[in-house]
Structure formats: structure tokens, C-alpha cells
Amino acid sequence: MSLGFQRYWRRENRRHYRREATPWDLSQALGVTGNPNHPIVQETMDAIVKKARAAGKAVGTICSDAEQAKRLIEKGYQYIGLGGDLNFIGTLGKKYIKEIKG
């Protein structure tokens, strides 16, 4: 793992019982801001899952759709946030506008 991520992990999460790092957080910490699919982000996420599971810890993240959630479950994630508040608000808003316009 990169030194930037190691600093992030120690500084930001050292007092928390549950450790979380979303792909977006990691992209920032790893110097590829806004690119959660960058190979370094994905490799780091895979390493986190492996180490957390080996230590008997639950590991989770967020994702944007059901297909991605299935892939994350296959990789060993145990809790997954499907989307975020802005995603749900935007999706529901588009649905309502479409219904209103007919």
C-alpha cells in the first residue's frame, strides 16, 4: 500500500472501531482524486479486504449499482452501501420529472 494511504488510515481512522474507506476516499488519499476505478485504488481495496478478513474484521464499502454489489460480495465485502443520498435523490428526482412530463 502507498505511504499516502497508510498515513490516511492511521490519522483518520485510528480511534474508530469500524474502519471504512470508500473508493472515493482512497482515490483522494492515493493521489488519483475522483478516479475510484484507478488500478492503485482497486489494488488497495483488495488488500484492505484481504487483511481485514484475515484479522477477523468485517469490511464494507459503497457502490453504485447491484452488479457492482455482487462483485464486491464475491471479493469478500460483508456490508455494502448501495448508492448514496445524492444518488438516490437524483434518481428519484429524474423519475418524478419524467412522470410529471408524462
PDB file of N, CA and C in Angstrom:
ATOM      1  N   MET A   1       0.829  -1.180   0.000  1.00  0.00           N
ATOM      2  CA  MET A   1       0.000   0.000   0.000  1.00  0.00           C
ATOM      3  C   MET A   1       0.872   1.241   0.000  1.00  0.00           C
ATOM      4  N   SER A   2       0.326   2.302  -0.521  1.00  0.00           N
ATOM      5  CA  SER A   2       1.104   3.534  -0.622  1.00  0.00           C
ATOM      6  C   SER A   2       1.249   4.211   0.733  1.00  0.00           C
ATOM      7  N   LEU A   3       2.269   5.023   0.856  1.00  0.00           N
ATOM      8  CA  LEU A   3       2.509   5.773   2.076  1.00  0.00           C
ATOM      9  C   LEU A   3       1.354   6.734   2.355  1.00  0.00           C
ATOM     10  N   GLY A   4       0.798   7.345   1.294  1.00  0.00           N
ATOM     11  CA  GLY A   4      -0.339   8.250   1.475  1.00  0.00           C
ATOM     12  C   GLY A   4      -1.521   7.550   2.114  1.00  0.00           C
ATOM     13  N   PHE A   5      -1.812   6.329   1.668  1.00  0.00           N
ATOM     14  CA  PHE A   5      -2.923   5.594   2.252  1.00  0.00           C
ATOM     15  C   PHE A   5      -2.621   5.199   3.691  1.00  0.00           C
ATOM     16  N   GLN A   6      -1.396   4.781   3.964  1.00  0.00           N
ATOM     17  CA  GLN A   6      -1.040   4.381   5.324  1.00  0.00           C
ATOM     18  C   GLN A   6      -1.209   5.542   6.289  1.00  0.00           C
ATOM     19  N   ARG A   7      -0.798   6.747   5.874  1.00  0.00           N
ATOM     20  CA  ARG A   7      -0.994   7.929   6.721  1.00  0.00           C
ATOM     21  C   ARG A   7      -2.483   8.196   6.928  1.00  0.00           C
ATOM     22  N   TYR A   8      -3.253   8.095   5.857  1.00  0.00           N
ATOM     23  CA  TYR A   8      -4.700   8.313   5.937  1.00  0.00           C
ATOM     24  C   TYR A   8      -5.314   7.344   6.942  1.00  0.00           C
ATOM     25  N   TRP A   9      -4.958   6.096   6.820  1.00  0.00           N
ATOM     26  CA  TRP A   9      -5.547   5.051   7.655  1.00  0.00           C
ATOM     27  C   TRP A   9      -5.246   5.301   9.126  1.00  0.00           C
ATOM     28  N   ARG A  10      -4.007   5.635   9.438  1.00  0.00           N
ATOM     29  CA  ARG A  10      -3.631   5.876  10.836  1.00  0.00           C
ATOM     30  C   ARG A  10      -4.270   7.152  11.362  1.00  0.00           C
ATOM     31  N   ARG A  11      -4.182   8.215  10.615  1.00  0.00           N
ATOM     32  CA  ARG A  11      -4.637   9.519  11.085  1.00  0.00           C
ATOM     33  C   ARG A  11      -6.156   9.596  11.208  1.00  0.00           C
ATOM     34  N   GLU A  12      -6.845   9.213  10.160  1.00  0.00           N
ATOM     35  CA  GLU A  12      -8.287   9.428  10.109  1.00  0.00           C
ATOM     36  C   GLU A  12      -9.092   8.381  10.863  1.00  0.00           C
ATOM     37  N   ASN A  13      -8.586   7.176  10.960  1.00  0.00           N
ATOM     38  CA  ASN A  13      -9.426   6.094  11.467  1.00  0.00           C
ATOM     39  C   ASN A  13      -8.902   5.401  12.713  1.00  0.00           C
ATOM     40  N   ARG A  14      -7.850   5.899  13.302  1.00  0.00           N
ATOM     41  CA  ARG A  14      -7.230   5.134  14.382  1.00  0.00           C
ATOM     42  C   ARG A  14      -8.121   4.948  15.608  1.00  0.00           C
ATOM     43  N   ARG A  15      -9.070   5.831  15.855  1.00  0.00           N
ATOM     44  CA  ARG A  15      -9.906   5.712  17.042  1.00  0.00           C
ATOM     45  C   ARG A  15     -11.239   5.021  16.774  1.00  0.00           C
ATOM     46  N   HIS A  16     -11.509   4.699  15.559  1.00  0.00           N
ATOM     47  CA  HIS A  16     -12.801   4.119  15.227  1.00  0.00           C
ATOM     48  C   HIS A  16     -12.771   2.601  15.352  1.00  0.00           C
ATOM     49  N   TYR A  17     -13.877   2.057  15.826  1.00  0.00           N
ATOM     50  CA  TYR A  17     -13.997   0.603  15.922  1.00  0.00           C
ATOM     51  C   TYR A  17     -14.054  -0.019  14.532  1.00  0.00           C
ATOM     52  N   ARG A  18     -14.856   0.563  13.700  1.00  0.00           N
ATOM     53  CA  ARG A  18     -15.015   0.046  12.335  1.00  0.00           C
ATOM     54  C   ARG A  18     -14.230   0.937  11.395  1.00  0.00           C
ATOM     55  N   ARG A  19     -13.421   0.349  10.566  1.00  0.00           N
ATOM     56  CA  ARG A  19     -12.628   1.108   9.622  1.00  0.00           C
ATOM     57  C   ARG A  19     -13.318   1.084   8.263  1.00  0.00           C
ATOM     58  N   GLU A  20     -13.465   2.248   7.698  1.00  0.00           N
ATOM     59  CA  GLU A  20     -14.096   2.360   6.391  1.00  0.00           C
ATOM     60  C   GLU A  20     -13.223   3.194   5.477  1.00  0.00           C
ATOM     61  N   ALA A  21     -13.198   2.803   4.250  1.00  0.00           N
ATOM     62  CA  ALA A  21     -12.520   3.598   3.229  1.00  0.00           C
ATOM     63  C   ALA A  21     -13.265   3.352   1.924  1.00  0.00           C
ATOM     64  N   THR A  22     -13.913   4.366   1.451  1.00  0.00           N
ATOM     65  CA  THR A  22     -14.624   4.212   0.190  1.00  0.00           C
ATOM     66  C   THR A  22     -13.642   4.404  -0.960  1.00  0.00           C
ATOM     67  N   PRO A  23     -14.004   3.940  -2.146  1.00  0.00           N
ATOM     68  CA  PRO A  23     -13.129   4.162  -3.298  1.00  0.00           C
ATOM     69  C   PRO A  23     -12.849   5.649  -3.521  1.00  0.00           C
ATOM     70  N   TRP A  24     -13.820   6.496  -3.222  1.00  0.00           N
ATOM     71  CA  TRP A  24     -13.634   7.931  -3.406  1.00  0.00           C
ATOM     72  C   TRP A  24     -12.628   8.473  -2.395  1.00  0.00           C
ATOM     73  N   ASP A  25     -12.727   8.045  -1.129  1.00  0.00           N
ATOM     74  CA  ASP A  25     -11.751   8.454  -0.114  1.00  0.00           C
ATOM     75  C   ASP A  25     -10.352   8.017  -0.521  1.00  0.00           C
ATOM     76  N   LEU A  26     -10.253   6.788  -0.957  1.00  0.00           N
ATOM     77  CA  LEU A  26      -8.943   6.248  -1.329  1.00  0.00           C
ATOM     78  C   LEU A  26      -8.356   6.954  -2.542  1.00  0.00           C
ATOM     79  N   SER A  27      -9.200   7.292  -3.502  1.00  0.00           N
ATOM     80  CA  SER A  27      -8.663   7.985  -4.679  1.00  0.00           C
ATOM     81  C   SER A  27      -8.018   9.299  -4.265  1.00  0.00           C
ATOM     82  N   GLN A  28      -8.602   9.971  -3.298  1.00  0.00           N
ATOM     83  CA  GLN A  28      -8.041  11.215  -2.776  1.00  0.00           C
ATOM     84  C   GLN A  28      -6.728  10.935  -2.054  1.00  0.00           C
ATOM     85  N   ALA A  29      -6.743   9.957  -1.158  1.00  0.00           N
ATOM     86  CA  ALA A  29      -5.559   9.644  -0.355  1.00  0.00           C
ATOM     87  C   ALA A  29      -4.402   9.122  -1.203  1.00  0.00           C
ATOM     88  N   LEU A  30      -4.720   8.477  -2.308  1.00  0.00           N
ATOM     89  CA  LEU A  30      -3.693   7.866  -3.148  1.00  0.00           C
ATOM     90  C   LEU A  30      -3.243   8.757  -4.302  1.00  0.00           C
ATOM     91  N   GLY A  31      -3.781   9.967  -4.360  1.00  0.00           N
ATOM     92  CA  GLY A  31      -3.319  10.923  -5.363  1.00  0.00           C
ATOM     93  C   GLY A  31      -3.959  10.798  -6.730  1.00  0.00           C
ATOM     94  N   VAL A  32      -5.063  10.079  -6.819  1.00  0.00           N
ATOM     95  CA  VAL A  32      -5.787   9.964  -8.095  1.00  0.00           C
ATOM     96  C   VAL A  32      -7.238  10.414  -7.870  1.00  0.00           C
ATOM     97  N   THR A  33      -7.368  11.591  -7.308  1.00  0.00           N
ATOM     98  CA  THR A  33      -8.651  12.147  -6.897  1.00  0.00           C
ATOM     99  C   THR A  33      -9.724  12.019  -7.973  1.00  0.00           C
ATOM    100  N   GLY A  34     -10.881  11.514  -7.557  1.00  0.00           N
ATOM    101  CA  GLY A  34     -12.018  11.396  -8.457  1.00  0.00           C
ATOM    102  C   GLY A  34     -11.958  10.206  -9.394  1.00  0.00           C
ATOM    103  N   ASN A  35     -11.014   9.314  -9.199  1.00  0.00           N
ATOM    104  CA  ASN A  35     -10.878   8.150 -10.075  1.00  0.00           C
ATOM    105  C   ASN A  35     -10.897   6.870  -9.240  1.00  0.00           C
ATOM    106  N   PRO A  36     -12.076   6.483  -8.729  1.00  0.00           N
ATOM    107  CA  PRO A  36     -12.160   5.308  -7.866  1.00  0.00           C
ATOM    108  C   PRO A  36     -11.882   3.991  -8.581  1.00  0.00           C
ATOM    109  N   ASN A  37     -11.876   3.991  -9.891  1.00  0.00           N
ATOM    110  CA  ASN A  37     -11.592   2.767 -10.646  1.00  0.00           C
ATOM    111  C   ASN A  37     -10.126   2.649 -11.059  1.00  0.00           C
ATOM    112  N   HIS A  38      -9.308   3.600 -10.638  1.00  0.00           N
ATOM    113  CA  HIS A  38      -7.877   3.555 -10.950  1.00  0.00           C
ATOM    114  C   HIS A  38      -7.289   2.258 -10.373  1.00  0.00           C
ATOM    115  N   PRO A  39      -6.367   1.623 -11.089  1.00  0.00           N
ATOM    116  CA  PRO A  39      -5.784   0.368 -10.610  1.00  0.00           C
ATOM    117  C   PRO A  39      -5.207   0.433  -9.195  1.00  0.00           C
ATOM    118  N   ILE A  40      -4.560   1.546  -8.823  1.00  0.00           N
ATOM    119  CA  ILE A  40      -3.987   1.622  -7.474  1.00  0.00           C
ATOM    120  C   ILE A  40      -5.080   1.623  -6.408  1.00  0.00           C
ATOM    121  N   VAL A  41      -6.208   2.249  -6.721  1.00  0.00           N
ATOM    122  CA  VAL A  41      -7.331   2.260  -5.780  1.00  0.00           C
ATOM    123  C   VAL A  41      -7.895   0.848  -5.642  1.00  0.00           C
ATOM    124  N   GLN A  42      -8.105   0.182  -6.764  1.00  0.00           N
ATOM    125  CA  GLN A  42      -8.664  -1.172  -6.731  1.00  0.00           C
ATOM    126  C   GLN A  42      -7.719  -2.156  -6.036  1.00  0.00           C
ATOM    127  N   GLU A  43      -6.423  -2.041  -6.299  1.00  0.00           N
ATOM    128  CA  GLU A  43      -5.439  -2.913  -5.637  1.00  0.00           C
ATOM    129  C   GLU A  43      -5.437  -2.677  -4.129  1.00  0.00           C
ATOM    130  N   THR A  44      -5.537  -1.419  -3.730  1.00  0.00           N
ATOM    131  CA  THR A  44      -5.551  -1.087  -2.310  1.00  0.00           C
ATOM    132  C   THR A  44      -6.810  -1.618  -1.652  1.00  0.00           C
ATOM    133  N   MET A  45      -7.932  -1.477  -2.312  1.00  0.00           N
ATOM    134  CA  MET A  45      -9.190  -2.005  -1.764  1.00  0.00           C
ATOM    135  C   MET A  45      -9.105  -3.523  -1.604  1.00  0.00           C
ATOM    136  N   ASP A  46      -8.538  -4.198  -2.588  1.00  0.00           N
ATOM    137  CA  ASP A  46      -8.377  -5.656  -2.491  1.00  0.00           C
ATOM    138  C   ASP A  46      -7.486  -6.024  -1.310  1.00  0.00           C
ATOM    139  N   ALA A  47      -6.413  -5.262  -1.097  1.00  0.00           N
ATOM    140  CA  ALA A  47      -5.505  -5.526   0.025  1.00  0.00           C
ATOM    141  C   ALA A  47      -6.207  -5.301   1.359  1.00  0.00           C
ATOM    142  N   ILE A  48      -7.048  -4.276   1.424  1.00  0.00           N
ATOM    143  CA  ILE A  48      -7.793  -3.995   2.652  1.00  0.00           C
ATOM    144  C   ILE A  48      -8.702  -5.165   2.990  1.00  0.00           C
ATOM    145  N   VAL A  49      -9.430  -5.652   2.005  1.00  0.00           N
ATOM    146  CA  VAL A  49     -10.346  -6.777   2.241  1.00  0.00           C
ATOM    147  C   VAL A  49      -9.563  -7.991   2.745  1.00  0.00           C
ATOM    148  N   LYS A  50      -8.478  -8.292   2.083  1.00  0.00           N
ATOM    149  CA  LYS A  50      -7.675  -9.463   2.446  1.00  0.00           C
ATOM    150  C   LYS A  50      -7.166  -9.356   3.889  1.00  0.00           C
ATOM    151  N   LYS A  51      -6.612  -8.195   4.240  1.00  0.00           N
ATOM    152  CA  LYS A  51      -6.062  -8.012   5.584  1.00  0.00           C
ATOM    153  C   LYS A  51      -7.157  -7.985   6.649  1.00  0.00           C
ATOM    154  N   ALA A  52      -8.248  -7.327   6.356  1.00  0.00           N
ATOM    155  CA  ALA A  52      -9.340  -7.242   7.328  1.00  0.00           C
ATOM    156  C   ALA A  52      -9.947  -8.618   7.582  1.00  0.00           C
ATOM    157  N   ARG A  53     -10.197  -9.357   6.538  1.00  0.00           N
ATOM    158  CA  ARG A  53     -10.783 -10.698   6.686  1.00  0.00           C
ATOM    159  C   ARG A  53      -9.824 -11.626   7.423  1.00  0.00           C
ATOM    160  N   ALA A  54      -8.523 -11.515   7.135  1.00  0.00           N
ATOM    161  CA  ALA A  54      -7.527 -12.342   7.821  1.00  0.00           C
ATOM    162  C   ALA A  54      -7.487 -12.030   9.318  1.00  0.00           C
ATOM    163  N   ALA A  55      -7.801 -10.768   9.669  1.00  0.00           N
ATOM    164  CA  ALA A  55      -7.811 -10.355  11.070  1.00  0.00           C
ATOM    165  C   ALA A  55      -9.174 -10.591  11.726  1.00  0.00           C
ATOM    166  N   GLY A  56     -10.109 -11.172  10.979  1.00  0.00           N
ATOM    167  CA  GLY A  56     -11.434 -11.447  11.527  1.00  0.00           C
ATOM    168  C   GLY A  56     -12.325 -10.229  11.628  1.00  0.00           C
ATOM    169  N   LYS A  57     -12.032  -9.207  10.857  1.00  0.00           N
ATOM    170  CA  LYS A  57     -12.816  -7.969  10.878  1.00  0.00           C
ATOM    171  C   LYS A  57     -13.770  -7.919   9.694  1.00  0.00           C
ATOM    172  N   ALA A  58     -14.906  -7.299   9.921  1.00  0.00           N
ATOM    173  CA  ALA A  58     -15.853  -7.073   8.838  1.00  0.00           C
ATOM    174  C   ALA A  58     -15.336  -5.936   7.979  1.00  0.00           C
ATOM    175  N   VAL A  59     -15.647  -5.991   6.708  1.00  0.00           N
ATOM    176  CA  VAL A  59     -15.192  -4.941   5.804  1.00  0.00           C
ATOM    177  C   VAL A  59     -16.340  -4.558   4.876  1.00  0.00           C
ATOM    178  N   GLY A  60     -16.438  -3.267   4.603  1.00  0.00           N
ATOM    179  CA  GLY A  60     -17.510  -2.792   3.747  1.00  0.00           C
ATOM    180  C   GLY A  60     -17.092  -1.587   2.936  1.00  0.00           C
ATOM    181  N   THR A  61     -17.954  -1.218   2.024  1.00  0.00           N
ATOM    182  CA  THR A  61     -17.711  -0.063   1.166  1.00  0.00           C
ATOM    183  C   THR A  61     -19.051   0.384   0.586  1.00  0.00           C
ATOM    184  N   ILE A  62     -18.983   1.288  -0.361  1.00  0.00           N
ATOM    185  CA  ILE A  62     -20.185   1.726  -1.068  1.00  0.00           C
ATOM    186  C   ILE A  62     -20.036   1.368  -2.531  1.00  0.00           C
ATOM    187  N   CYS A  63     -21.160   1.297  -3.205  1.00  0.00           N
ATOM    188  CA  CYS A  63     -21.126   1.041  -4.643  1.00  0.00           C
ATOM    189  C   CYS A  63     -22.296   1.756  -5.296  1.00  0.00           C
ATOM    190  N   SER A  64     -22.326   1.695  -6.622  1.00  0.00           N
ATOM    191  CA  SER A  64     -23.324   2.487  -7.338  1.00  0.00           C
ATOM    192  C   SER A  64     -24.452   1.670  -7.963  1.00  0.00           C
ATOM    193  N   ASP A  65     -24.307   0.356  -8.026  1.00  0.00           N
ATOM    194  CA  ASP A  65     -25.389  -0.435  -8.616  1.00  0.00           C
ATOM    195  C   ASP A  65     -25.336  -1.880  -8.123  1.00  0.00           C
ATOM    196  N   ALA A  66     -26.365  -2.635  -8.443  1.00  0.00           N
ATOM    197  CA  ALA A  66     -26.490  -4.008  -7.960  1.00  0.00           C
ATOM    198  C   ALA A  66     -25.402  -4.923  -8.515  1.00  0.00           C
ATOM    199  N   GLU A  67     -25.013  -4.732  -9.759  1.00  0.00           N
ATOM    200  CA  GLU A  67     -23.963  -5.581 -10.349  1.00  0.00           C
ATOM    201  C   GLU A  67     -22.636  -5.380  -9.618  1.00  0.00           C
ATOM    202  N   GLN A  68     -22.324  -4.145  -9.313  1.00  0.00           N
ATOM    203  CA  GLN A  68     -21.091  -3.873  -8.571  1.00  0.00           C
ATOM    204  C   GLN A  68     -21.183  -4.482  -7.175  1.00  0.00           C
ATOM    205  N   ALA A  69     -22.349  -4.410  -6.552  1.00  0.00           N
ATOM    206  CA  ALA A  69     -22.532  -5.006  -5.225  1.00  0.00           C
ATOM    207  C   ALA A  69     -22.253  -6.506  -5.267  1.00  0.00           C
ATOM    208  N   LYS A  70     -22.727  -7.186  -6.301  1.00  0.00           N
ATOM    209  CA  LYS A  70     -22.480  -8.627  -6.439  1.00  0.00           C
ATOM    210  C   LYS A  70     -20.982  -8.908  -6.536  1.00  0.00           C
ATOM    211  N   ARG A  71     -20.272  -8.108  -7.326  1.00  0.00           N
ATOM    212  CA  ARG A  71     -18.816  -8.299  -7.460  1.00  0.00           C
ATOM    213  C   ARG A  71     -18.107  -8.075  -6.125  1.00  0.00           C
ATOM    214  N   LEU A  72     -18.544  -7.081  -5.375  1.00  0.00           N
ATOM    215  CA  LEU A  72     -17.926  -6.793  -4.085  1.00  0.00           C
ATOM    216  C   LEU A  72     -18.176  -7.927  -3.089  1.00  0.00           C
ATOM    217  N   ILE A  73     -19.369  -8.485  -3.109  1.00  0.00           N
ATOM    218  CA  ILE A  73     -19.671  -9.624  -2.235  1.00  0.00           C
ATOM    219  C   ILE A  73     -18.764 -10.800  -2.580  1.00  0.00           C
ATOM    220  N   GLU A  74     -18.566 -11.033  -3.865  1.00  0.00           N
ATOM    221  CA  GLU A  74     -17.666 -12.111  -4.297  1.00  0.00           C
ATOM    222  C   GLU A  74     -16.236 -11.875  -3.827  1.00  0.00           C
ATOM    223  N   LYS A  75     -15.830 -10.603  -3.704  1.00  0.00           N
ATOM    224  CA  LYS A  75     -14.481 -10.277  -3.251  1.00  0.00           C
ATOM    225  C   LYS A  75     -14.326 -10.388  -1.737  1.00  0.00           C
ATOM    226  N   GLY A  76     -15.451 -10.539  -1.018  1.00  0.00           N
ATOM    227  CA  GLY A  76     -15.371 -10.712   0.425  1.00  0.00           C
ATOM    228  C   GLY A  76     -15.918  -9.590   1.276  1.00  0.00           C
ATOM    229  N   TYR A  77     -16.498  -8.571   0.660  1.00  0.00           N
ATOM    230  CA  TYR A  77     -17.104  -7.493   1.434  1.00  0.00           C
ATOM    231  C   TYR A  77     -18.330  -8.031   2.157  1.00  0.00           C
ATOM    232  N   GLN A  78     -18.530  -7.559   3.392  1.00  0.00           N
ATOM    233  CA  GLN A  78     -19.627  -8.067   4.201  1.00  0.00           C
ATOM    234  C   GLN A  78     -20.756  -7.067   4.395  1.00  0.00           C
ATOM    235  N   TYR A  79     -20.494  -5.802   4.224  1.00  0.00           N
ATOM    236  CA  TYR A  79     -21.581  -4.823   4.221  1.00  0.00           C
ATOM    237  C   TYR A  79     -21.299  -3.815   3.121  1.00  0.00           C
ATOM    238  N   ILE A  80     -22.372  -3.459   2.416  1.00  0.00           N
ATOM    239  CA  ILE A  80     -22.226  -2.611   1.233  1.00  0.00           C
ATOM    240  C   ILE A  80     -23.335  -1.567   1.240  1.00  0.00           C
ATOM    241  N   GLY A  81     -22.932  -0.323   1.137  1.00  0.00           N
ATOM    242  CA  GLY A  81     -23.905   0.744   0.971  1.00  0.00           C
ATOM    243  C   GLY A  81     -24.191   0.888  -0.516  1.00  0.00           C
ATOM    244  N   LEU A  82     -25.425   0.708  -0.887  1.00  0.00           N
ATOM    245  CA  LEU A  82     -25.794   0.779  -2.303  1.00  0.00           C
ATOM    246  C   LEU A  82     -26.195   2.204  -2.636  1.00  0.00           C
ATOM    247  N   GLY A  83     -25.258   2.942  -3.232  1.00  0.00           N
ATOM    248  CA  GLY A  83     -25.510   4.337  -3.591  1.00  0.00           C
ATOM    249  C   GLY A  83     -25.344   5.243  -2.390  1.00  0.00           C
ATOM    250  N   GLY A  84     -25.640   6.480  -2.614  1.00  0.00           N
ATOM    251  CA  GLY A  84     -25.555   7.475  -1.555  1.00  0.00           C
ATOM    252  C   GLY A  84     -26.762   8.385  -1.626  1.00  0.00           C
ATOM    253  N   ASP A  85     -26.862   9.279  -0.685  1.00  0.00           N
ATOM    254  CA  ASP A  85     -28.038  10.138  -0.631  1.00  0.00           C
ATOM    255  C   ASP A  85     -28.219  10.957  -1.899  1.00  0.00           C
ATOM    256  N   LEU A  86     -27.147  11.524  -2.431  1.00  0.00           N
ATOM    257  CA  LEU A  86     -27.283  12.330  -3.645  1.00  0.00           C
ATOM    258  C   LEU A  86     -27.692  11.476  -4.840  1.00  0.00           C
ATOM    259  N   ASN A  87     -27.172  10.270  -4.893  1.00  0.00           N
ATOM    260  CA  ASN A  87     -27.545   9.355  -5.969  1.00  0.00           C
ATOM    261  C   ASN A  87     -29.044   9.040  -5.910  1.00  0.00           C
ATOM    262  N   PHE A  88     -29.534   8.730  -4.710  1.00  0.00           N
ATOM    263  CA  PHE A  88     -30.945   8.393  -4.563  1.00  0.00           C
ATOM    264  C   PHE A  88     -31.843   9.601  -4.839  1.00  0.00           C
ATOM    265  N   ILE A  89     -31.447  10.768  -4.364  1.00  0.00           N
ATOM    266  CA  ILE A  89     -32.228  11.982  -4.605  1.00  0.00           C
ATOM    267  C   ILE A  89     -32.284  12.278  -6.101  1.00  0.00           C
ATOM    268  N   GLY A  90     -31.141  12.189  -6.781  1.00  0.00           N
ATOM    269  CA  GLY A  90     -31.104  12.441  -8.222  1.00  0.00           C
ATOM    270  C   GLY A  90     -31.940  11.454  -9.004  1.00  0.00           C
ATOM    271  N   THR A  91     -31.832  10.187  -8.660  1.00  0.00           N
ATOM    272  CA  THR A  91     -32.590   9.148  -9.364  1.00  0.00           C
ATOM    273  C   THR A  91     -34.090   9.351  -9.160  1.00  0.00           C
ATOM    274  N   LEU A  92     -34.488   9.594  -7.924  1.00  0.00           N
ATOM    275  CA  LEU A  92     -35.905   9.792  -7.642  1.00  0.00           C
ATOM    276  C   LEU A  92     -36.411  11.083  -8.296  1.00  0.00           C
ATOM    277  N   GLY A  93     -35.607  12.132  -8.278  1.00  0.00           N
ATOM    278  CA  GLY A  93     -35.997  13.390  -8.925  1.00  0.00           C
ATOM    279  C   GLY A  93     -36.220  13.219 -10.414  1.00  0.00           C
ATOM    280  N   LYS A  94     -35.324  12.496 -11.078  1.00  0.00           N
ATOM    281  CA  LYS A  94     -35.488  12.233 -12.513  1.00  0.00           C
ATOM    282  C   LYS A  94     -36.748  11.430 -12.782  1.00  0.00           C
ATOM    283  N   LYS A  95     -37.025  10.467 -11.916  1.00  0.00           N
ATOM    284  CA  LYS A  95     -38.237   9.645 -12.068  1.00  0.00           C
ATOM    285  C   LYS A  95     -39.488  10.518 -11.960  1.00  0.00           C
ATOM    286  N   TYR A  96     -39.516  11.410 -10.949  1.00  0.00           N
ATOM    287  CA  TYR A  96     -40.677  12.270 -10.769  1.00  0.00           C
ATOM    288  C   TYR A  96     -40.856  13.235 -11.937  1.00  0.00           C
ATOM    289  N   ILE A  97     -39.769  13.799 -12.405  1.00  0.00           N
ATOM    290  CA  ILE A  97     -39.872  14.728 -13.546  1.00  0.00           C
ATOM    291  C   ILE A  97     -40.413  14.007 -14.768  1.00  0.00           C
ATOM    292  N   LYS A  98     -39.928  12.813 -15.012  1.00  0.00           N
ATOM    293  CA  LYS A  98     -40.415  12.015 -16.148  1.00  0.00           C
ATOM    294  C   LYS A  98     -41.899  11.726 -16.016  1.00  0.00           C
ATOM    295  N   GLU A  99     -42.339  11.384 -14.791  1.00  0.00           N
ATOM    296  CA  GLU A  99     -43.759  11.107 -14.553  1.00  0.00           C
ATOM    297  C   GLU A  99     -44.622  12.362 -14.736  1.00  0.00           C
ATOM    298  N   ILE A 100     -44.115  13.500 -14.283  1.00  0.00           N
ATOM    299  CA  ILE A 100     -44.858  14.757 -14.410  1.00  0.00           C
ATOM    300  C   ILE A 100     -45.016  15.154 -15.862  1.00  0.00           C
ATOM    301  N   LYS A 101     -43.921  15.013 -16.635  1.00  0.00           N
ATOM    302  CA  LYS A 101     -43.964  15.377 -18.047  1.00  0.00           C
ATOM    303  C   LYS A 101     -44.790  14.395 -18.857  1.00  0.00           C
ATOM    304  N   GLY A 102     -44.975  13.219 -18.315  1.00  0.00           N
ATOM    305  CA  GLY A 102     -45.786  12.209 -18.997  1.00  0.00           C
ATOM    306  C   GLY A 102     -45.053  11.545 -20.056  1.00  0.00           C
TER     307      GLY A 102
END
